[in-house]
Amino acid sequence: MGLKGKRIAVTGGRKGEEIRTLIEKQGGTAFIRPAQGTVFTNEAHVVQSIQEIIETPPQLLIFTTGMGEKRMAELAEANGLGEPYEQLIRSVPIAVRGTKTLQHFKQKGITPAIVADRGTMNQLEHSLTIENQSIALQMHGENVPTFIETLERANNVVRTIYPYEHTPPEEEVLERLIEEMESGILDVVAFTSAIQVRYFFEYSDRVRKKSSILEMFNEEILPVAVGEVTEEHLKEQGVNRVLTPATPRMGAMVMEIANYYRA
């Protein structure tokens, strides 16, 4: 019960109840405050993209998230493309971003040819020393033009697929989170993705509370990141201390917080 009496805000909405259960099992109290939205894009566009890469297979498939591949597989199956899609991803070399995406493919019995294990787009870019190839790129909810431009400068032809996209959170949720931080009822704020960090600090800057939030994070409230990429984004915003598990998973994050307070 390493979190007994601790109050933890989690900025991830997806799997919110699962995280709440993990925190409560350790004796803590969870406040789910989603700092991002996720919407699935037009199914017809995704299915069309899947049809195109089946009919004209690329020389390399790049997947940036396991959730994106899962949605592609579900849509392929629902539209009579399940078998040719599975044949495609088992016959074309695959590059992945992050250990979670790597594990997703391993569970499917597929070993990617290229792995950017730190999970950053920069590392993925540096891992791809390729040119003159056709590439299908599954994006993670945001456009990254510099990454695509780098691939295209090497004379690669890039087709992008957006199975979902991120949307800003409701401002009322961020306002409530900041009020809870200011009132002193929170011991921890845990971020489960880099985009949550961006949305949170964009809002706090807009309402002119960023400096006070940084002071709270650096002195009173423990800031936690689910993984190294999220940690980097927090530090870029000026957060000096960040607790981060060695394995970028929700369960590992909760146990890292519990171990921190036990110590």
C-alpha atoms as a PDB file:
ATOM      1  CA  MET A   1       0.000   0.000   0.000  1.00  0.00           C
ATOM      2  CA  GLY A   2       2.722   2.448  -0.993  1.00  0.00           C
ATOM      3  CA  LEU A   3       0.223   5.141  -2.014  1.00  0.00           C
ATOM      4  CA  LYS A   4      -1.825   5.218   1.178  1.00  0.00           C
ATOM      5  CA  GLY A   5      -3.201   8.711   1.661  1.00  0.00           C
ATOM      6  CA  LYS A   6      -1.718   9.977  -1.614  1.00  0.00           C
ATOM      7  CA  ARG A   7      -3.858  11.875  -4.097  1.00  0.00           C
ATOM      8  CA  ILE A   8      -2.827  11.442  -7.710  1.00  0.00           C
ATOM      9  CA  ALA A   9      -4.146  13.263 -10.757  1.00  0.00           C
ATOM     10  CA  VAL A  10      -3.742  11.404 -14.057  1.00  0.00           C
ATOM     11  CA  THR A  11      -3.968  13.403 -17.285  1.00  0.00           C
ATOM     12  CA  GLY A  12      -4.722  10.387 -19.479  1.00  0.00           C
ATOM     13  CA  GLY A  13      -8.357   9.694 -20.240  1.00  0.00           C
ATOM     14  CA  ARG A  14      -7.860   6.475 -22.166  1.00  0.00           C
ATOM     15  CA  LYS A  15      -7.728   3.539 -19.732  1.00  0.00           C
ATOM     16  CA  GLY A  16      -8.645   5.984 -16.975  1.00  0.00           C
ATOM     17  CA  GLU A  17     -10.594   3.455 -14.916  1.00  0.00           C
ATOM     18  CA  GLU A  18      -7.816   0.914 -15.290  1.00  0.00           C
ATOM     19  CA  ILE A  19      -5.315   3.414 -13.891  1.00  0.00           C
ATOM     20  CA  ARG A  20      -7.734   4.348 -11.101  1.00  0.00           C
ATOM     21  CA  THR A  21      -7.934   0.685 -10.065  1.00  0.00           C
ATOM     22  CA  LEU A  22      -4.138   0.350 -10.010  1.00  0.00           C
ATOM     23  CA  ILE A  23      -3.789   3.441  -7.829  1.00  0.00           C
ATOM     24  CA  GLU A  24      -6.546   2.395  -5.446  1.00  0.00           C
ATOM     25  CA  LYS A  25      -4.993  -1.071  -5.023  1.00  0.00           C
ATOM     26  CA  GLN A  26      -1.919   0.744  -3.699  1.00  0.00           C
ATOM     27  CA  GLY A  27      -4.078   2.708  -1.277  1.00  0.00           C
ATOM     28  CA  GLY A  28      -4.145   5.983  -3.209  1.00  0.00           C
ATOM     29  CA  THR A  29      -6.928   8.188  -4.535  1.00  0.00           C
ATOM     30  CA  ALA A  30      -7.073   8.843  -8.280  1.00  0.00           C
ATOM     31  CA  PHE A  31      -8.313  11.993 -10.000  1.00  0.00           C
ATOM     32  CA  ILE A  32      -8.759  11.331 -13.730  1.00  0.00           C
ATOM     33  CA  ARG A  33      -8.277  14.658 -15.539  1.00  0.00           C
ATOM     34  CA  PRO A  34      -7.963  13.984 -19.308  1.00  0.00           C
ATOM     35  CA  ALA A  35      -5.617  16.537 -20.896  1.00  0.00           C
ATOM     36  CA  GLN A  36      -6.187  15.294 -24.445  1.00  0.00           C
ATOM     37  CA  GLY A  37      -8.945  14.020 -26.638  1.00  0.00           C
ATOM     38  CA  THR A  38      -8.700  11.325 -29.280  1.00  0.00           C
ATOM     39  CA  VAL A  39     -11.091  10.941 -32.165  1.00  0.00           C
ATOM     40  CA  PHE A  40     -11.095   8.341 -34.887  1.00  0.00           C
ATOM     41  CA  THR A  41     -10.859   9.765 -38.373  1.00  0.00           C
ATOM     42  CA  ASN A  42     -13.205   9.065 -41.252  1.00  0.00           C
ATOM     43  CA  GLU A  43     -13.342   5.296 -41.711  1.00  0.00           C
ATOM     44  CA  ALA A  44     -13.681   5.537 -45.484  1.00  0.00           C
ATOM     45  CA  HIS A  45     -10.372   7.394 -45.761  1.00  0.00           C
ATOM     46  CA  VAL A  46      -8.549   4.842 -43.608  1.00  0.00           C
ATOM     47  CA  VAL A  47     -10.047   1.905 -45.523  1.00  0.00           C
ATOM     48  CA  GLN A  48      -9.083   3.540 -48.811  1.00  0.00           C
ATOM     49  CA  SER A  49      -5.500   3.944 -47.569  1.00  0.00           C
ATOM     50  CA  ILE A  50      -5.414   0.288 -46.526  1.00  0.00           C
ATOM     51  CA  GLN A  51      -6.772  -0.751 -49.931  1.00  0.00           C
ATOM     52  CA  GLU A  52      -4.076   1.308 -51.667  1.00  0.00           C
ATOM     53  CA  ILE A  53      -1.159  -0.206 -49.751  1.00  0.00           C
ATOM     54  CA  ILE A  54      -2.567  -3.702 -50.319  1.00  0.00           C
ATOM     55  CA  GLU A  55      -2.877  -3.123 -54.061  1.00  0.00           C
ATOM     56  CA  THR A  56       0.471  -1.305 -54.324  1.00  0.00           C
ATOM     57  CA  PRO A  57       2.620  -2.538 -51.416  1.00  0.00           C
ATOM     58  CA  PRO A  58       5.258  -0.125 -50.117  1.00  0.00           C
ATOM     59  CA  GLN A  59       8.852  -1.166 -49.579  1.00  0.00           C
ATOM     60  CA  LEU A  60       8.630  -0.155 -45.924  1.00  0.00           C
ATOM     61  CA  LEU A  61       5.763   0.177 -43.430  1.00  0.00           C
ATOM     62  CA  ILE A  62       6.269   2.600 -40.529  1.00  0.00           C
ATOM     63  CA  PHE A  63       3.995   2.323 -37.490  1.00  0.00           C
ATOM     64  CA  THR A  64       4.184   4.967 -34.773  1.00  0.00           C
ATOM     65  CA  THR A  65       1.603   3.438 -32.402  1.00  0.00           C
ATOM     66  CA  GLY A  66       0.133   0.043 -31.656  1.00  0.00           C
ATOM     67  CA  MET A  67      -3.300   1.624 -31.272  1.00  0.00           C
ATOM     68  CA  GLY A  68      -3.098   2.900 -34.847  1.00  0.00           C
ATOM     69  CA  GLU A  69      -2.196  -0.524 -36.221  1.00  0.00           C
ATOM     70  CA  LYS A  70      -4.965  -2.142 -34.185  1.00  0.00           C
ATOM     71  CA  ARG A  71      -7.539   0.212 -35.687  1.00  0.00           C
ATOM     72  CA  MET A  72      -6.210  -0.431 -39.193  1.00  0.00           C
ATOM     73  CA  ALA A  73      -6.474  -4.183 -38.641  1.00  0.00           C
ATOM     74  CA  GLU A  74     -10.030  -3.852 -37.298  1.00  0.00           C
ATOM     75  CA  LEU A  75     -11.155  -1.725 -40.237  1.00  0.00           C
ATOM     76  CA  ALA A  76      -9.467  -4.072 -42.709  1.00  0.00           C
ATOM     77  CA  GLU A  77     -11.296  -7.048 -41.184  1.00  0.00           C
ATOM     78  CA  ALA A  78     -14.635  -5.222 -41.129  1.00  0.00           C
ATOM     79  CA  ASN A  79     -14.320  -4.326 -44.815  1.00  0.00           C
ATOM     80  CA  GLY A  80     -13.246  -7.692 -46.205  1.00  0.00           C
ATOM     81  CA  LEU A  81      -9.544  -6.800 -46.299  1.00  0.00           C
ATOM     82  CA  GLY A  82      -8.420  -8.664 -43.197  1.00  0.00           C
ATOM     83  CA  GLU A  83      -6.515 -11.484 -44.898  1.00  0.00           C
ATOM     84  CA  PRO A  84      -4.646  -9.392 -47.514  1.00  0.00           C
ATOM     85  CA  TYR A  85      -3.814  -6.794 -44.848  1.00  0.00           C
ATOM     86  CA  GLU A  86      -2.326  -9.443 -42.556  1.00  0.00           C
ATOM     87  CA  GLN A  87      -0.354 -10.852 -45.485  1.00  0.00           C
ATOM     88  CA  LEU A  88       0.954  -7.362 -46.200  1.00  0.00           C
ATOM     89  CA  ILE A  89       2.269  -6.617 -42.706  1.00  0.00           C
ATOM     90  CA  ARG A  90       3.916 -10.047 -42.576  1.00  0.00           C
ATOM     91  CA  SER A  91       5.692  -9.656 -45.904  1.00  0.00           C
ATOM     92  CA  VAL A  92       6.832  -6.004 -45.931  1.00  0.00           C
ATOM     93  CA  PRO A  93       9.644  -4.759 -43.611  1.00  0.00           C
ATOM     94  CA  ILE A  94       8.274  -2.785 -40.659  1.00  0.00           C
ATOM     95  CA  ALA A  95       9.765   0.081 -38.648  1.00  0.00           C
ATOM     96  CA  VAL A  96       8.204   1.012 -35.296  1.00  0.00           C
ATOM     97  CA  ARG A  97       8.404   3.867 -32.825  1.00  0.00           C
ATOM     98  CA  GLY A  98       8.644   2.944 -29.157  1.00  0.00           C
ATOM     99  CA  THR A  99       8.692  -0.204 -27.058  1.00  0.00           C
ATOM    100  CA  LYS A 100       4.881  -0.311 -26.723  1.00  0.00           C
ATOM    101  CA  THR A 101       4.503  -0.475 -30.495  1.00  0.00           C
ATOM    102  CA  LEU A 102       7.249  -3.101 -30.609  1.00  0.00           C
ATOM    103  CA  GLN A 103       5.413  -5.237 -28.032  1.00  0.00           C
ATOM    104  CA  HIS A 104       2.178  -4.843 -29.979  1.00  0.00           C
ATOM    105  CA  PHE A 105       3.777  -6.411 -33.044  1.00  0.00           C
ATOM    106  CA  LYS A 106       5.530  -9.123 -31.057  1.00  0.00           C
ATOM    107  CA  GLN A 107       2.129 -10.151 -29.720  1.00  0.00           C
ATOM    108  CA  LYS A 108       1.065 -10.558 -33.338  1.00  0.00           C
ATOM    109  CA  GLY A 109       4.116 -12.742 -33.964  1.00  0.00           C
ATOM    110  CA  ILE A 110       5.869 -10.075 -36.048  1.00  0.00           C
ATOM    111  CA  THR A 111       9.414  -8.857 -35.430  1.00  0.00           C
ATOM    112  CA  PRO A 112       9.947  -5.336 -36.842  1.00  0.00           C
ATOM    113  CA  ALA A 113      13.078  -4.738 -38.872  1.00  0.00           C
ATOM    114  CA  ILE A 114      13.737  -1.289 -37.370  1.00  0.00           C
ATOM    115  CA  VAL A 115      12.953  -0.177 -33.804  1.00  0.00           C
ATOM    116  CA  ALA A 116      13.297   3.312 -32.330  1.00  0.00           C
ATOM    117  CA  ASP A 117      13.062   2.095 -28.749  1.00  0.00           C
ATOM    118  CA  ARG A 118      13.177   5.537 -27.096  1.00  0.00           C
ATOM    119  CA  GLY A 119       9.913   6.345 -28.814  1.00  0.00           C
ATOM    120  CA  THR A 120      10.799   9.745 -30.226  1.00  0.00           C
ATOM    121  CA  MET A 121      10.201  10.788 -33.811  1.00  0.00           C
ATOM    122  CA  ASN A 122      13.790  12.104 -33.876  1.00  0.00           C
ATOM    123  CA  GLN A 123      15.204   8.696 -33.004  1.00  0.00           C
ATOM    124  CA  LEU A 124      12.929   7.065 -35.553  1.00  0.00           C
ATOM    125  CA  GLU A 125      14.165   9.532 -38.161  1.00  0.00           C
ATOM    126  CA  HIS A 126      17.797   8.744 -37.327  1.00  0.00           C
ATOM    127  CA  SER A 127      17.071   5.006 -37.491  1.00  0.00           C
ATOM    128  CA  LEU A 128      15.807   5.284 -41.076  1.00  0.00           C
ATOM    129  CA  THR A 129      18.851   5.546 -43.321  1.00  0.00           C
ATOM    130  CA  ILE A 130      16.827   4.835 -46.444  1.00  0.00           C
ATOM    131  CA  GLU A 131      16.420   6.462 -49.821  1.00  0.00           C
ATOM    132  CA  ASN A 132      14.578   5.899 -53.098  1.00  0.00           C
ATOM    133  CA  GLN A 133      11.885   3.794 -51.447  1.00  0.00           C
ATOM    134  CA  SER A 134       8.105   3.812 -51.238  1.00  0.00           C
ATOM    135  CA  ILE A 135       6.928   4.171 -47.639  1.00  0.00           C
ATOM    136  CA  ALA A 136       3.554   3.898 -45.911  1.00  0.00           C
ATOM    137  CA  LEU A 137       3.574   5.877 -42.651  1.00  0.00           C
ATOM    138  CA  GLN A 138       0.940   5.404 -39.939  1.00  0.00           C
ATOM    139  CA  MET A 139       0.848   8.601 -37.926  1.00  0.00           C
ATOM    140  CA  HIS A 140       0.165   8.967 -34.203  1.00  0.00           C
ATOM    141  CA  GLY A 141      -2.534  11.613 -34.229  1.00  0.00           C
ATOM    142  CA  GLU A 142      -0.481  14.671 -35.131  1.00  0.00           C
ATOM    143  CA  ASN A 143       1.126  15.826 -38.326  1.00  0.00           C
ATOM    144  CA  VAL A 144       4.948  15.905 -38.250  1.00  0.00           C
ATOM    145  CA  PRO A 145       5.929  17.678 -41.470  1.00  0.00           C
ATOM    146  CA  THR A 146       9.665  17.839 -40.696  1.00  0.00           C
ATOM    147  CA  PHE A 147       9.833  14.042 -40.341  1.00  0.00           C
ATOM    148  CA  ILE A 148       8.032  13.527 -43.645  1.00  0.00           C
ATOM    149  CA  GLU A 149      10.152  16.181 -45.354  1.00  0.00           C
ATOM    150  CA  THR A 150      13.338  14.416 -44.212  1.00  0.00           C
ATOM    151  CA  LEU A 151      12.138  11.175 -45.767  1.00  0.00           C
ATOM    152  CA  GLU A 152      11.149  12.923 -48.978  1.00  0.00           C
ATOM    153  CA  ARG A 153      14.484  14.745 -49.253  1.00  0.00           C
ATOM    154  CA  ALA A 154      16.066  11.281 -49.477  1.00  0.00           C
ATOM    155  CA  ASN A 155      13.910  10.721 -52.565  1.00  0.00           C
ATOM    156  CA  ASN A 156      11.432   8.480 -50.764  1.00  0.00           C
ATOM    157  CA  VAL A 157       7.749   8.483 -51.712  1.00  0.00           C
ATOM    158  CA  VAL A 158       5.683   8.730 -48.521  1.00  0.00           C
ATOM    159  CA  ARG A 159       1.995   7.841 -48.102  1.00  0.00           C
ATOM    160  CA  THR A 160       0.507   8.821 -44.727  1.00  0.00           C
ATOM    161  CA  ILE A 161      -2.311   7.060 -42.874  1.00  0.00           C
ATOM    162  CA  TYR A 162      -4.121   8.735 -39.951  1.00  0.00           C
ATOM    163  CA  PRO A 163      -6.278   6.139 -38.129  1.00  0.00           C
ATOM    164  CA  TYR A 164      -7.031   8.713 -35.383  1.00  0.00           C
ATOM    165  CA  GLU A 165      -6.131  12.232 -34.345  1.00  0.00           C
ATOM    166  CA  HIS A 166      -5.684  14.094 -31.091  1.00  0.00           C
ATOM    167  CA  THR A 167      -7.971  16.928 -30.076  1.00  0.00           C
ATOM    168  CA  PRO A 168      -7.535  19.538 -27.335  1.00  0.00           C
ATOM    169  CA  PRO A 169      -9.087  18.689 -23.956  1.00  0.00           C
ATOM    170  CA  GLU A 170     -12.042  20.499 -22.478  1.00  0.00           C
ATOM    171  CA  GLU A 171     -10.725  23.655 -20.829  1.00  0.00           C
ATOM    172  CA  GLU A 172     -12.947  23.041 -17.804  1.00  0.00           C
ATOM    173  CA  VAL A 173     -10.931  19.893 -17.062  1.00  0.00           C
ATOM    174  CA  LEU A 174      -7.606  21.750 -17.148  1.00  0.00           C
ATOM    175  CA  GLU A 175      -9.047  24.609 -15.093  1.00  0.00           C
ATOM    176  CA  ARG A 176     -10.213  22.105 -12.470  1.00  0.00           C
ATOM    177  CA  LEU A 177      -6.817  20.381 -12.409  1.00  0.00           C
ATOM    178  CA  ILE A 178      -4.995  23.662 -11.844  1.00  0.00           C
ATOM    179  CA  GLU A 179      -7.442  24.616  -9.079  1.00  0.00           C
ATOM    180  CA  GLU A 180      -6.783  21.275  -7.382  1.00  0.00           C
ATOM    181  CA  MET A 181      -3.046  21.846  -7.624  1.00  0.00           C
ATOM    182  CA  GLU A 182      -3.363  25.345  -6.167  1.00  0.00           C
ATOM    183  CA  SER A 183      -5.612  24.183  -3.322  1.00  0.00           C
ATOM    184  CA  GLY A 184      -2.976  21.693  -2.163  1.00  0.00           C
ATOM    185  CA  ILE A 185      -5.112  18.576  -2.402  1.00  0.00           C
ATOM    186  CA  LEU A 186      -2.831  16.819  -4.920  1.00  0.00           C
ATOM    187  CA  ASP A 187       0.418  15.038  -4.162  1.00  0.00           C
ATOM    188  CA  VAL A 188       1.144  13.860  -7.726  1.00  0.00           C
ATOM    189  CA  VAL A 189       0.277  14.781 -11.309  1.00  0.00           C
ATOM    190  CA  ALA A 190       1.000  11.945 -13.744  1.00  0.00           C
ATOM    191  CA  PHE A 191       1.205  12.514 -17.497  1.00  0.00           C
ATOM    192  CA  THR A 192       0.683   9.522 -19.786  1.00  0.00           C
ATOM    193  CA  SER A 193       1.635  11.105 -23.137  1.00  0.00           C
ATOM    194  CA  ALA A 194       3.718  13.973 -24.453  1.00  0.00           C
ATOM    195  CA  ILE A 195       0.762  15.695 -26.095  1.00  0.00           C
ATOM    196  CA  GLN A 196      -0.948  15.985 -22.705  1.00  0.00           C
ATOM    197  CA  VAL A 197       2.072  17.947 -21.508  1.00  0.00           C
ATOM    198  CA  ARG A 198       1.790  20.250 -24.499  1.00  0.00           C
ATOM    199  CA  TYR A 199      -1.933  20.899 -24.092  1.00  0.00           C
ATOM    200  CA  PHE A 200      -1.605  21.395 -20.325  1.00  0.00           C
ATOM    201  CA  PHE A 201       1.191  23.941 -20.553  1.00  0.00           C
ATOM    202  CA  GLU A 202      -0.353  25.742 -23.525  1.00  0.00           C
ATOM    203  CA  TYR A 203      -3.454  26.273 -21.406  1.00  0.00           C
ATOM    204  CA  SER A 204      -1.550  27.222 -18.251  1.00  0.00           C
ATOM    205  CA  ASP A 205       0.475  29.734 -20.258  1.00  0.00           C
ATOM    206  CA  ARG A 206      -2.692  31.178 -21.754  1.00  0.00           C
ATOM    207  CA  VAL A 207      -4.235  31.738 -18.306  1.00  0.00           C
ATOM    208  CA  ARG A 208      -0.877  33.073 -17.014  1.00  0.00           C
ATOM    209  CA  LYS A 209      -0.296  30.364 -14.451  1.00  0.00           C
ATOM    210  CA  LYS A 210       2.660  28.538 -15.959  1.00  0.00           C
ATOM    211  CA  SER A 211       5.259  30.031 -13.613  1.00  0.00           C
ATOM    212  CA  SER A 212       3.281  29.102 -10.488  1.00  0.00           C
ATOM    213  CA  ILE A 213       2.684  25.589 -11.857  1.00  0.00           C
ATOM    214  CA  LEU A 214       6.401  25.116 -12.485  1.00  0.00           C
ATOM    215  CA  GLU A 215       7.092  26.257  -8.937  1.00  0.00           C
ATOM    216  CA  MET A 216       4.608  23.695  -7.580  1.00  0.00           C
ATOM    217  CA  PHE A 217       6.111  20.908  -9.707  1.00  0.00           C
ATOM    218  CA  ASN A 218       9.653  21.763  -8.700  1.00  0.00           C
ATOM    219  CA  GLU A 219       8.883  22.081  -4.981  1.00  0.00           C
ATOM    220  CA  GLU A 220       5.564  20.636  -3.799  1.00  0.00           C
ATOM    221  CA  ILE A 221       3.757  18.367  -6.276  1.00  0.00           C
ATOM    222  CA  LEU A 222       5.530  15.339  -7.729  1.00  0.00           C
ATOM    223  CA  PRO A 223       5.410  15.345 -11.554  1.00  0.00           C
ATOM    224  CA  VAL A 224       5.435  11.870 -13.112  1.00  0.00           C
ATOM    225  CA  ALA A 225       5.891  10.795 -16.732  1.00  0.00           C
ATOM    226  CA  VAL A 226       4.853   7.426 -18.126  1.00  0.00           C
ATOM    227  CA  GLY A 227       8.015   7.243 -20.245  1.00  0.00           C
ATOM    228  CA  GLU A 228      11.123   8.997 -21.479  1.00  0.00           C
ATOM    229  CA  VAL A 229       9.422  10.913 -24.292  1.00  0.00           C
ATOM    230  CA  THR A 230       6.854  12.422 -21.924  1.00  0.00           C
ATOM    231  CA  GLU A 231       9.655  13.187 -19.447  1.00  0.00           C
ATOM    232  CA  GLU A 232      11.583  15.083 -22.132  1.00  0.00           C
ATOM    233  CA  HIS A 233       8.538  17.223 -22.905  1.00  0.00           C
ATOM    234  CA  LEU A 234       8.077  18.067 -19.218  1.00  0.00           C
ATOM    235  CA  LYS A 235      11.704  19.114 -18.908  1.00  0.00           C
ATOM    236  CA  GLU A 236      11.439  21.204 -22.058  1.00  0.00           C
ATOM    237  CA  GLN A 237       8.628  23.107 -20.328  1.00  0.00           C
ATOM    238  CA  GLY A 238      10.876  23.831 -17.347  1.00  0.00           C
ATOM    239  CA  VAL A 239      10.017  20.978 -14.953  1.00  0.00           C
ATOM    240  CA  ASN A 240      13.335  20.178 -13.275  1.00  0.00           C
ATOM    241  CA  ARG A 241      12.482  16.909 -11.521  1.00  0.00           C
ATOM    242  CA  VAL A 242      10.406  14.150 -13.094  1.00  0.00           C
ATOM    243  CA  LEU A 243       9.766  10.624 -11.814  1.00  0.00           C
ATOM    244  CA  THR A 244       9.772   8.144 -14.715  1.00  0.00           C
ATOM    245  CA  PRO A 245       9.596   4.329 -14.699  1.00  0.00           C
ATOM    246  CA  ALA A 246      12.185   2.305 -16.596  1.00  0.00           C
ATOM    247  CA  THR A 247       9.374   0.625 -18.552  1.00  0.00           C
ATOM    248  CA  PRO A 248       6.905   3.005 -20.251  1.00  0.00           C
ATOM    249  CA  ARG A 249       3.706   1.367 -19.030  1.00  0.00           C
ATOM    250  CA  MET A 250       0.818   2.498 -16.838  1.00  0.00           C
ATOM    251  CA  GLY A 251       1.318  -0.265 -14.282  1.00  0.00           C
ATOM    252  CA  ALA A 252       5.041   0.407 -14.049  1.00  0.00           C
ATOM    253  CA  MET A 253       4.316   4.109 -13.574  1.00  0.00           C
ATOM    254  CA  VAL A 254       1.965   3.476 -10.642  1.00  0.00           C
ATOM    255  CA  MET A 255       4.481   1.110  -9.007  1.00  0.00           C
ATOM    256  CA  GLU A 256       7.262   3.672  -9.499  1.00  0.00           C
ATOM    257  CA  ILE A 257       5.179   6.249  -7.618  1.00  0.00           C
ATOM    258  CA  ALA A 258       4.441   3.725  -4.859  1.00  0.00           C
ATOM    259  CA  ASN A 259       8.127   2.831  -4.538  1.00  0.00           C
ATOM    260  CA  TYR A 260       9.045   6.509  -4.430  1.00  0.00           C
ATOM    261  CA  TYR A 261       6.828   7.092  -1.404  1.00  0.00           C
ATOM    262  CA  ARG A 262       7.906   3.861   0.290  1.00  0.00           C
ATOM    263  CA  ALA A 263      11.489   5.114   0.103  1.00  0.00           C
END
